[in-house]
Amino acid sequence: MAKLTNIVIHCSDSEFGCASEIDRWHKNRGWSGIGYHFVILNGLIVPKTGYQARLHLDCMDGSIEVGRKIDGDNWVSTNEQGAHALGFNAKSIGICLIGVRDFTPRQMSALRTLVSELCIHYGLTAKNVVGHYETPKAGGKTCPNFDMQAFRDSL
């Protein structure tokens, strides 16, 4: 059990998705389930592939879904530990934005609100909020593909 010290921001690197879809993807990789604690949707639930119709639900844009459960105290227990940032999983909350590079205004607003509330609840500050690419073992990842300093400044 470790003290919660960070919030790590990610992107799904997919144009569509939701918490249940990411849970399926992560289980297919051999993980126990979704590695993120929260997922922020962009409204695109089903991609346009082949003859399949694209399903975009504007009302879902910016919706926040719970992934891996957390109990609300300042300690990350084994069953709460994420699988999202090597070396940070035991001490952080992982938030994933659905998308690759372009995130909707509703997603960014939801992210700011969620991160602000989590910081207040857990006694964290903007400096405790990092992008996956800013973690020491990110392995060259660019996720979440936006300027984290500008995001921290907006909090």
C-alpha atoms as a PDB file:
ATOM      1  CA  MET A   1       0.000   0.000   0.000  1.00  0.00           C
ATOM      2  CA  ALA A   2       1.418   3.385  -1.053  1.00  0.00           C
ATOM      3  CA  LYS A   3       0.378   6.976  -0.424  1.00  0.00           C
ATOM      4  CA  LEU A   4      -1.334   8.575  -3.407  1.00  0.00           C
ATOM      5  CA  THR A   5       1.031  11.180  -4.886  1.00  0.00           C
ATOM      6  CA  ASN A   6       0.041  11.715  -8.519  1.00  0.00           C
ATOM      7  CA  ILE A   7      -2.616  11.825 -11.175  1.00  0.00           C
ATOM      8  CA  VAL A   8      -1.411  10.563 -14.554  1.00  0.00           C
ATOM      9  CA  ILE A   9      -3.199  11.663 -17.735  1.00  0.00           C
ATOM     10  CA  HIS A  10      -3.364   9.344 -20.762  1.00  0.00           C
ATOM     11  CA  CYS A  11      -5.046   9.033 -24.131  1.00  0.00           C
ATOM     12  CA  SER A  12      -6.511   5.841 -25.541  1.00  0.00           C
ATOM     13  CA  ASP A  13      -4.671   6.223 -28.866  1.00  0.00           C
ATOM     14  CA  SER A  14      -7.948   5.186 -30.508  1.00  0.00           C
ATOM     15  CA  GLU A  15     -10.627   7.306 -32.147  1.00  0.00           C
ATOM     16  CA  PHE A  16     -13.412   5.560 -30.203  1.00  0.00           C
ATOM     17  CA  GLY A  17     -14.018   3.684 -26.995  1.00  0.00           C
ATOM     18  CA  CYS A  18     -15.361   3.581 -23.476  1.00  0.00           C
ATOM     19  CA  ALA A  19     -14.393   1.992 -20.156  1.00  0.00           C
ATOM     20  CA  SER A  20     -15.885  -1.399 -21.043  1.00  0.00           C
ATOM     21  CA  GLU A  21     -14.075  -1.423 -24.403  1.00  0.00           C
ATOM     22  CA  ILE A  22     -10.746  -0.554 -22.750  1.00  0.00           C
ATOM     23  CA  ASP A  23     -11.417  -3.251 -20.144  1.00  0.00           C
ATOM     24  CA  ARG A  24     -11.793  -5.763 -22.987  1.00  0.00           C
ATOM     25  CA  TRP A  25      -8.610  -4.497 -24.714  1.00  0.00           C
ATOM     26  CA  HIS A  26      -6.609  -4.751 -21.488  1.00  0.00           C
ATOM     27  CA  LYS A  27      -7.913  -8.243 -20.682  1.00  0.00           C
ATOM     28  CA  ASN A  28      -6.857  -9.293 -24.201  1.00  0.00           C
ATOM     29  CA  ARG A  29      -3.331  -8.146 -23.248  1.00  0.00           C
ATOM     30  CA  GLY A  30      -3.418 -10.491 -20.251  1.00  0.00           C
ATOM     31  CA  TRP A  31      -4.147  -7.845 -17.626  1.00  0.00           C
ATOM     32  CA  SER A  32      -6.789  -8.335 -14.929  1.00  0.00           C
ATOM     33  CA  GLY A  33      -8.917  -5.542 -16.409  1.00  0.00           C
ATOM     34  CA  ILE A  34      -8.952  -1.859 -17.233  1.00  0.00           C
ATOM     35  CA  GLY A  35      -5.785  -0.137 -16.075  1.00  0.00           C
ATOM     36  CA  TYR A  36      -7.280   3.369 -15.714  1.00  0.00           C
ATOM     37  CA  HIS A  37      -9.410   4.667 -12.866  1.00  0.00           C
ATOM     38  CA  PHE A  38     -11.413   7.060 -15.058  1.00  0.00           C
ATOM     39  CA  VAL A  39     -12.187   7.324 -18.781  1.00  0.00           C
ATOM     40  CA  ILE A  40     -13.452  10.511 -20.456  1.00  0.00           C
ATOM     41  CA  LEU A  41     -15.479   9.829 -23.602  1.00  0.00           C
ATOM     42  CA  ASN A  42     -15.481  11.771 -26.866  1.00  0.00           C
ATOM     43  CA  GLY A  43     -18.934  10.578 -27.929  1.00  0.00           C
ATOM     44  CA  LEU A  44     -17.669   8.183 -30.621  1.00  0.00           C
ATOM     45  CA  ILE A  45     -18.788   4.792 -29.398  1.00  0.00           C
ATOM     46  CA  VAL A  46     -18.382   2.720 -32.581  1.00  0.00           C
ATOM     47  CA  PRO A  47     -15.890   3.623 -35.332  1.00  0.00           C
ATOM     48  CA  LYS A  48     -16.718   3.711 -39.013  1.00  0.00           C
ATOM     49  CA  THR A  49     -15.172   0.518 -40.365  1.00  0.00           C
ATOM     50  CA  GLY A  50     -16.170  -1.323 -43.487  1.00  0.00           C
ATOM     51  CA  TYR A  51     -19.948  -1.345 -43.774  1.00  0.00           C
ATOM     52  CA  GLN A  52     -20.507  -0.799 -40.084  1.00  0.00           C
ATOM     53  CA  ALA A  53     -22.259   2.475 -39.271  1.00  0.00           C
ATOM     54  CA  ARG A  54     -20.395   5.010 -37.180  1.00  0.00           C
ATOM     55  CA  LEU A  55     -22.129   5.712 -33.860  1.00  0.00           C
ATOM     56  CA  HIS A  56     -21.477   9.139 -32.379  1.00  0.00           C
ATOM     57  CA  LEU A  57     -23.579  10.207 -29.415  1.00  0.00           C
ATOM     58  CA  ASP A  58     -23.089  13.897 -28.769  1.00  0.00           C
ATOM     59  CA  CYS A  59     -24.608  13.511 -25.298  1.00  0.00           C
ATOM     60  CA  MET A  60     -21.717  11.180 -24.350  1.00  0.00           C
ATOM     61  CA  ASP A  61     -18.994  13.678 -25.300  1.00  0.00           C
ATOM     62  CA  GLY A  62     -17.240  14.610 -22.050  1.00  0.00           C
ATOM     63  CA  SER A  63     -18.910  11.862 -20.032  1.00  0.00           C
ATOM     64  CA  ILE A  64     -16.731  10.401 -17.294  1.00  0.00           C
ATOM     65  CA  GLU A  65     -16.809   6.663 -16.673  1.00  0.00           C
ATOM     66  CA  VAL A  66     -15.299   4.825 -13.738  1.00  0.00           C
ATOM     67  CA  GLY A  67     -12.754   2.170 -14.631  1.00  0.00           C
ATOM     68  CA  ARG A  68     -10.711   0.579 -11.872  1.00  0.00           C
ATOM     69  CA  LYS A  69     -12.283   1.303  -8.499  1.00  0.00           C
ATOM     70  CA  ILE A  70     -10.738   3.513  -5.829  1.00  0.00           C
ATOM     71  CA  ASP A  71     -12.062   3.800  -2.276  1.00  0.00           C
ATOM     72  CA  GLY A  72     -11.407   7.488  -1.640  1.00  0.00           C
ATOM     73  CA  ASP A  73      -8.711   7.333   1.014  1.00  0.00           C
ATOM     74  CA  ASN A  74      -5.168   8.607   0.409  1.00  0.00           C
ATOM     75  CA  TRP A  75      -3.670   5.137   0.065  1.00  0.00           C
ATOM     76  CA  VAL A  76      -3.527   2.945  -3.021  1.00  0.00           C
ATOM     77  CA  SER A  77      -4.190  -0.631  -1.949  1.00  0.00           C
ATOM     78  CA  THR A  78      -3.323  -3.630  -4.104  1.00  0.00           C
ATOM     79  CA  ASN A  79      -6.829  -4.015  -5.517  1.00  0.00           C
ATOM     80  CA  GLU A  80      -6.963  -0.286  -6.440  1.00  0.00           C
ATOM     81  CA  GLN A  81      -3.562  -0.142  -8.126  1.00  0.00           C
ATOM     82  CA  GLY A  82      -3.806   0.829 -11.768  1.00  0.00           C
ATOM     83  CA  ALA A  83      -1.961  -0.575 -14.771  1.00  0.00           C
ATOM     84  CA  HIS A  84      -1.293   2.598 -16.719  1.00  0.00           C
ATOM     85  CA  ALA A  85       2.189   4.033 -16.010  1.00  0.00           C
ATOM     86  CA  LEU A  86       5.146   1.818 -15.174  1.00  0.00           C
ATOM     87  CA  GLY A  87       6.693   2.939 -11.894  1.00  0.00           C
ATOM     88  CA  PHE A  88       3.667   5.132 -11.019  1.00  0.00           C
ATOM     89  CA  ASN A  89       0.864   2.574 -10.734  1.00  0.00           C
ATOM     90  CA  ALA A  90       1.229   2.015  -6.988  1.00  0.00           C
ATOM     91  CA  LYS A  91       0.921   5.720  -6.156  1.00  0.00           C
ATOM     92  CA  SER A  92      -1.336   7.326  -8.763  1.00  0.00           C
ATOM     93  CA  ILE A  93      -4.761   7.641 -10.298  1.00  0.00           C
ATOM     94  CA  GLY A  94      -4.885   7.072 -14.066  1.00  0.00           C
ATOM     95  CA  ILE A  95      -7.252   9.073 -16.267  1.00  0.00           C
ATOM     96  CA  CYS A  96      -7.682   8.230 -19.952  1.00  0.00           C
ATOM     97  CA  LEU A  97      -9.133  10.525 -22.608  1.00  0.00           C
ATOM     98  CA  ILE A  98     -10.610   8.688 -25.576  1.00  0.00           C
ATOM     99  CA  GLY A  99      -8.792   9.921 -28.671  1.00  0.00           C
ATOM    100  CA  VAL A 100      -5.358  10.257 -30.211  1.00  0.00           C
ATOM    101  CA  ARG A 101      -4.382  13.920 -30.587  1.00  0.00           C
ATOM    102  CA  ASP A 102      -7.562  15.941 -30.886  1.00  0.00           C
ATOM    103  CA  PHE A 103      -9.773  16.093 -27.817  1.00  0.00           C
ATOM    104  CA  THR A 104     -13.116  17.824 -27.710  1.00  0.00           C
ATOM    105  CA  PRO A 105     -13.733  20.956 -25.633  1.00  0.00           C
ATOM    106  CA  ARG A 106     -16.179  18.908 -23.524  1.00  0.00           C
ATOM    107  CA  GLN A 107     -13.506  16.309 -22.822  1.00  0.00           C
ATOM    108  CA  MET A 108     -10.987  18.941 -21.764  1.00  0.00           C
ATOM    109  CA  SER A 109     -13.571  20.654 -19.560  1.00  0.00           C
ATOM    110  CA  ALA A 110     -14.469  17.325 -17.935  1.00  0.00           C
ATOM    111  CA  LEU A 111     -10.767  16.559 -17.440  1.00  0.00           C
ATOM    112  CA  ARG A 112     -10.147  19.911 -15.718  1.00  0.00           C
ATOM    113  CA  THR A 113     -13.182  19.409 -13.474  1.00  0.00           C
ATOM    114  CA  LEU A 114     -12.282  15.810 -12.586  1.00  0.00           C
ATOM    115  CA  VAL A 115      -8.620  16.594 -11.913  1.00  0.00           C
ATOM    116  CA  SER A 116      -9.526  19.665  -9.846  1.00  0.00           C
ATOM    117  CA  GLU A 117     -11.947  17.672  -7.696  1.00  0.00           C
ATOM    118  CA  LEU A 118      -9.477  14.816  -7.248  1.00  0.00           C
ATOM    119  CA  CYS A 119      -6.733  17.281  -6.256  1.00  0.00           C
ATOM    120  CA  ILE A 120      -8.993  18.856  -3.640  1.00  0.00           C
ATOM    121  CA  HIS A 121     -10.130  15.470  -2.306  1.00  0.00           C
ATOM    122  CA  TYR A 122      -6.630  13.992  -2.085  1.00  0.00           C
ATOM    123  CA  GLY A 123      -4.752  17.165  -1.110  1.00  0.00           C
ATOM    124  CA  LEU A 124      -2.769  17.276  -4.357  1.00  0.00           C
ATOM    125  CA  THR A 125      -1.742  20.288  -6.434  1.00  0.00           C
ATOM    126  CA  ALA A 126      -1.312  20.887 -10.161  1.00  0.00           C
ATOM    127  CA  LYS A 127       2.364  19.897  -9.879  1.00  0.00           C
ATOM    128  CA  ASN A 128       1.186  16.378  -8.921  1.00  0.00           C
ATOM    129  CA  VAL A 129      -0.628  16.031 -12.261  1.00  0.00           C
ATOM    130  CA  VAL A 130       1.544  14.561 -15.008  1.00  0.00           C
ATOM    131  CA  GLY A 131       1.147  13.298 -18.533  1.00  0.00           C
ATOM    132  CA  HIS A 132       2.168   9.713 -19.189  1.00  0.00           C
ATOM    133  CA  TYR A 133       5.064  11.030 -21.309  1.00  0.00           C
ATOM    134  CA  GLU A 134       6.418  12.845 -18.243  1.00  0.00           C
ATOM    135  CA  THR A 135       6.842   9.672 -16.195  1.00  0.00           C
ATOM    136  CA  PRO A 136      10.400   8.288 -16.057  1.00  0.00           C
ATOM    137  CA  LYS A 137       9.540   4.910 -17.591  1.00  0.00           C
ATOM    138  CA  ALA A 138       7.233   6.151 -20.365  1.00  0.00           C
ATOM    139  CA  GLY A 139       9.452   4.503 -22.977  1.00  0.00           C
ATOM    140  CA  GLY A 140       9.181   7.266 -25.556  1.00  0.00           C
ATOM    141  CA  LYS A 141       5.400   7.557 -25.382  1.00  0.00           C
ATOM    142  CA  THR A 142       3.888  10.965 -26.195  1.00  0.00           C
ATOM    143  CA  CYS A 143       0.588  10.255 -24.438  1.00  0.00           C
ATOM    144  CA  PRO A 144      -1.625  12.226 -23.810  1.00  0.00           C
ATOM    145  CA  ASN A 145      -0.362  14.185 -26.833  1.00  0.00           C
ATOM    146  CA  PHE A 146      -0.942  17.681 -25.472  1.00  0.00           C
ATOM    147  CA  ASP A 147       1.041  20.224 -23.503  1.00  0.00           C
ATOM    148  CA  MET A 148       0.786  19.182 -19.860  1.00  0.00           C
ATOM    149  CA  GLN A 149       2.280  22.421 -18.557  1.00  0.00           C
ATOM    150  CA  ALA A 150      -0.456  24.394 -20.293  1.00  0.00           C
ATOM    151  CA  PHE A 151      -3.020  22.003 -18.803  1.00  0.00           C
ATOM    152  CA  ARG A 152      -1.566  22.392 -15.290  1.00  0.00           C
ATOM    153  CA  ASP A 153      -1.630  26.176 -15.750  1.00  0.00           C
ATOM    154  CA  SER A 154      -5.353  25.932 -16.580  1.00  0.00           C
ATOM    155  CA  LEU A 155      -6.224  24.236 -13.295  1.00  0.00           C
END
